[in-house]
Amino acid sequence: MAADEGAAVAQDWKADVIDFNCRLEIMISTLGNKYLDATFFLFDMNGLFSSVLDNTADSGLTAAYVDTTHNCSVYADSYLGTPLPSMTSKSPD
């Protein structure tokens, strides 16, 4: 994936995550209605991560991060030893 494709891919993934979360909410509601003696919880990690990534300056822990949309090649090289898949993968187009 080229760097300029990142925003479009992120939008596609965002739509997929929203769709998945909607389906998950329906499943949990259905299970709750079927098993009245059980309690089900849904924690929206996507909302939490989106909030952190969209507002990095709001927390002292993430305030130093400037670019939250691209892979960090220094991290990939130093800690992983190999490039991340998104750094070497090509678009299926």
C-alpha atoms as a PDB file:
ATOM      1  CA  MET A   1       0.000   0.000   0.000  1.00  0.00           C
ATOM      2  CA  ALA A   2       1.369   3.379  -0.952  1.00  0.00           C
ATOM      3  CA  ALA A   3       1.378   6.111   1.676  1.00  0.00           C
ATOM      4  CA  ASP A   4      -1.189   8.149  -0.251  1.00  0.00           C
ATOM      5  CA  GLU A   5      -3.633   5.232  -0.178  1.00  0.00           C
ATOM      6  CA  GLY A   6      -3.656   5.150   3.628  1.00  0.00           C
ATOM      7  CA  ALA A   7      -6.601   7.512   4.109  1.00  0.00           C
ATOM      8  CA  ALA A   8      -8.813   5.590   1.675  1.00  0.00           C
ATOM      9  CA  VAL A   9      -7.913   2.257   3.246  1.00  0.00           C
ATOM     10  CA  ALA A  10      -8.545   3.665   6.724  1.00  0.00           C
ATOM     11  CA  GLN A  11     -12.020   4.800   5.636  1.00  0.00           C
ATOM     12  CA  ASP A  12     -12.768   1.332   4.256  1.00  0.00           C
ATOM     13  CA  TRP A  13     -11.593  -0.294   7.483  1.00  0.00           C
ATOM     14  CA  LYS A  14     -13.572   2.178   9.543  1.00  0.00           C
ATOM     15  CA  ALA A  15     -16.735   1.251   7.649  1.00  0.00           C
ATOM     16  CA  ASP A  16     -15.955  -2.457   8.147  1.00  0.00           C
ATOM     17  CA  VAL A  17     -15.432  -1.989  11.887  1.00  0.00           C
ATOM     18  CA  ILE A  18     -18.691  -0.051  12.198  1.00  0.00           C
ATOM     19  CA  ASP A  19     -20.514  -2.830  10.344  1.00  0.00           C
ATOM     20  CA  PHE A  20     -18.912  -5.502  12.540  1.00  0.00           C
ATOM     21  CA  ASN A  21     -19.793  -3.612  15.725  1.00  0.00           C
ATOM     22  CA  CYS A  22     -23.421  -3.244  14.601  1.00  0.00           C
ATOM     23  CA  ARG A  23     -23.633  -6.972  13.966  1.00  0.00           C
ATOM     24  CA  LEU A  24     -22.034  -7.660  17.328  1.00  0.00           C
ATOM     25  CA  GLU A  25     -24.583  -5.431  19.093  1.00  0.00           C
ATOM     26  CA  ILE A  26     -27.423  -7.335  17.394  1.00  0.00           C
ATOM     27  CA  MET A  27     -25.890 -10.673  18.405  1.00  0.00           C
ATOM     28  CA  ILE A  28     -25.495  -9.575  22.028  1.00  0.00           C
ATOM     29  CA  SER A  29     -29.052  -8.266  22.122  1.00  0.00           C
ATOM     30  CA  THR A  30     -30.354 -11.519  20.653  1.00  0.00           C
ATOM     31  CA  LEU A  31     -28.396 -13.588  23.170  1.00  0.00           C
ATOM     32  CA  GLY A  32     -29.631 -11.398  26.031  1.00  0.00           C
ATOM     33  CA  ASN A  33     -33.218 -11.906  24.956  1.00  0.00           C
ATOM     34  CA  LYS A  34     -32.718 -15.668  24.643  1.00  0.00           C
ATOM     35  CA  TYR A  35     -30.737 -16.256  27.846  1.00  0.00           C
ATOM     36  CA  LEU A  36     -32.445 -14.095  30.428  1.00  0.00           C
ATOM     37  CA  ASP A  37     -30.319 -15.465  33.276  1.00  0.00           C
ATOM     38  CA  ALA A  38     -27.086 -14.273  31.611  1.00  0.00           C
ATOM     39  CA  THR A  39     -25.532 -10.836  31.359  1.00  0.00           C
ATOM     40  CA  PHE A  40     -23.659  -9.696  28.264  1.00  0.00           C
ATOM     41  CA  PHE A  41     -21.343  -6.708  27.955  1.00  0.00           C
ATOM     42  CA  LEU A  42     -20.031  -4.910  24.900  1.00  0.00           C
ATOM     43  CA  PHE A  43     -17.054  -2.605  25.313  1.00  0.00           C
ATOM     44  CA  ASP A  44     -16.393  -0.372  22.312  1.00  0.00           C
ATOM     45  CA  MET A  45     -12.618  -0.629  21.868  1.00  0.00           C
ATOM     46  CA  ASN A  46     -12.905   0.966  18.427  1.00  0.00           C
ATOM     47  CA  GLY A  47     -14.420   4.078  19.984  1.00  0.00           C
ATOM     48  CA  LEU A  48     -11.718   4.175  22.641  1.00  0.00           C
ATOM     49  CA  PHE A  49      -8.852   3.746  20.161  1.00  0.00           C
ATOM     50  CA  SER A  50     -10.382   6.234  17.720  1.00  0.00           C
ATOM     51  CA  SER A  51     -10.696   8.803  20.474  1.00  0.00           C
ATOM     52  CA  VAL A  52      -7.077   8.332  21.535  1.00  0.00           C
ATOM     53  CA  LEU A  53      -5.751   8.430  17.969  1.00  0.00           C
ATOM     54  CA  ASP A  54      -7.871  11.437  16.995  1.00  0.00           C
ATOM     55  CA  ASN A  55      -6.931  13.424  20.109  1.00  0.00           C
ATOM     56  CA  THR A  56      -3.385  12.423  21.001  1.00  0.00           C
ATOM     57  CA  ALA A  57      -2.682  15.765  22.709  1.00  0.00           C
ATOM     58  CA  ASP A  58      -5.395  15.097  25.301  1.00  0.00           C
ATOM     59  CA  SER A  59      -3.249  12.607  27.190  1.00  0.00           C
ATOM     60  CA  GLY A  60       0.265  12.924  28.487  1.00  0.00           C
ATOM     61  CA  LEU A  61       0.841   9.331  27.417  1.00  0.00           C
ATOM     62  CA  THR A  62       0.123  10.014  23.744  1.00  0.00           C
ATOM     63  CA  ALA A  63       0.828  13.750  23.407  1.00  0.00           C
ATOM     64  CA  ALA A  64       4.221  13.125  21.774  1.00  0.00           C
ATOM     65  CA  TYR A  65       2.719  11.196  18.865  1.00  0.00           C
ATOM     66  CA  VAL A  66       2.404  13.333  15.771  1.00  0.00           C
ATOM     67  CA  ASP A  67       1.540  10.815  13.040  1.00  0.00           C
ATOM     68  CA  THR A  68      -1.007   8.162  13.963  1.00  0.00           C
ATOM     69  CA  THR A  69      -1.859   7.130  10.409  1.00  0.00           C
ATOM     70  CA  HIS A  70       1.379   5.566   9.158  1.00  0.00           C
ATOM     71  CA  ASN A  71       3.666   2.794  10.314  1.00  0.00           C
ATOM     72  CA  CYS A  72       6.833   3.853  12.059  1.00  0.00           C
ATOM     73  CA  SER A  73       9.712   2.383  10.082  1.00  0.00           C
ATOM     74  CA  VAL A  74      12.108   2.910  12.996  1.00  0.00           C
ATOM     75  CA  TYR A  75       9.851   0.815  15.226  1.00  0.00           C
ATOM     76  CA  ALA A  76       9.446  -1.837  12.564  1.00  0.00           C
ATOM     77  CA  ASP A  77      13.189  -2.081  11.924  1.00  0.00           C
ATOM     78  CA  SER A  78      14.334  -1.802  15.533  1.00  0.00           C
ATOM     79  CA  TYR A  79      11.770  -3.885  17.364  1.00  0.00           C
ATOM     80  CA  LEU A  80      10.277  -6.238  14.854  1.00  0.00           C
ATOM     81  CA  GLY A  81      13.382  -6.886  12.795  1.00  0.00           C
ATOM     82  CA  THR A  82      11.290  -7.088   9.633  1.00  0.00           C
ATOM     83  CA  PRO A  83       9.026  -4.633   7.851  1.00  0.00           C
ATOM     84  CA  LEU A  84       5.373  -4.615   8.796  1.00  0.00           C
ATOM     85  CA  PRO A  85       3.071  -6.275   6.228  1.00  0.00           C
ATOM     86  CA  SER A  86       1.500  -2.942   5.306  1.00  0.00           C
ATOM     87  CA  MET A  87       4.969  -1.619   4.445  1.00  0.00           C
ATOM     88  CA  THR A  88       5.631  -4.348   1.889  1.00  0.00           C
ATOM     89  CA  SER A  89       2.163  -5.331   0.688  1.00  0.00           C
ATOM     90  CA  LYS A  90       0.814  -4.058  -2.566  1.00  0.00           C
ATOM     91  CA  SER A  91      -2.748  -3.116  -3.319  1.00  0.00           C
ATOM     92  CA  PRO A  92      -4.744  -5.929  -4.980  1.00  0.00           C
ATOM     93  CA  ASP A  93      -5.735  -3.497  -7.747  1.00  0.00           C
END
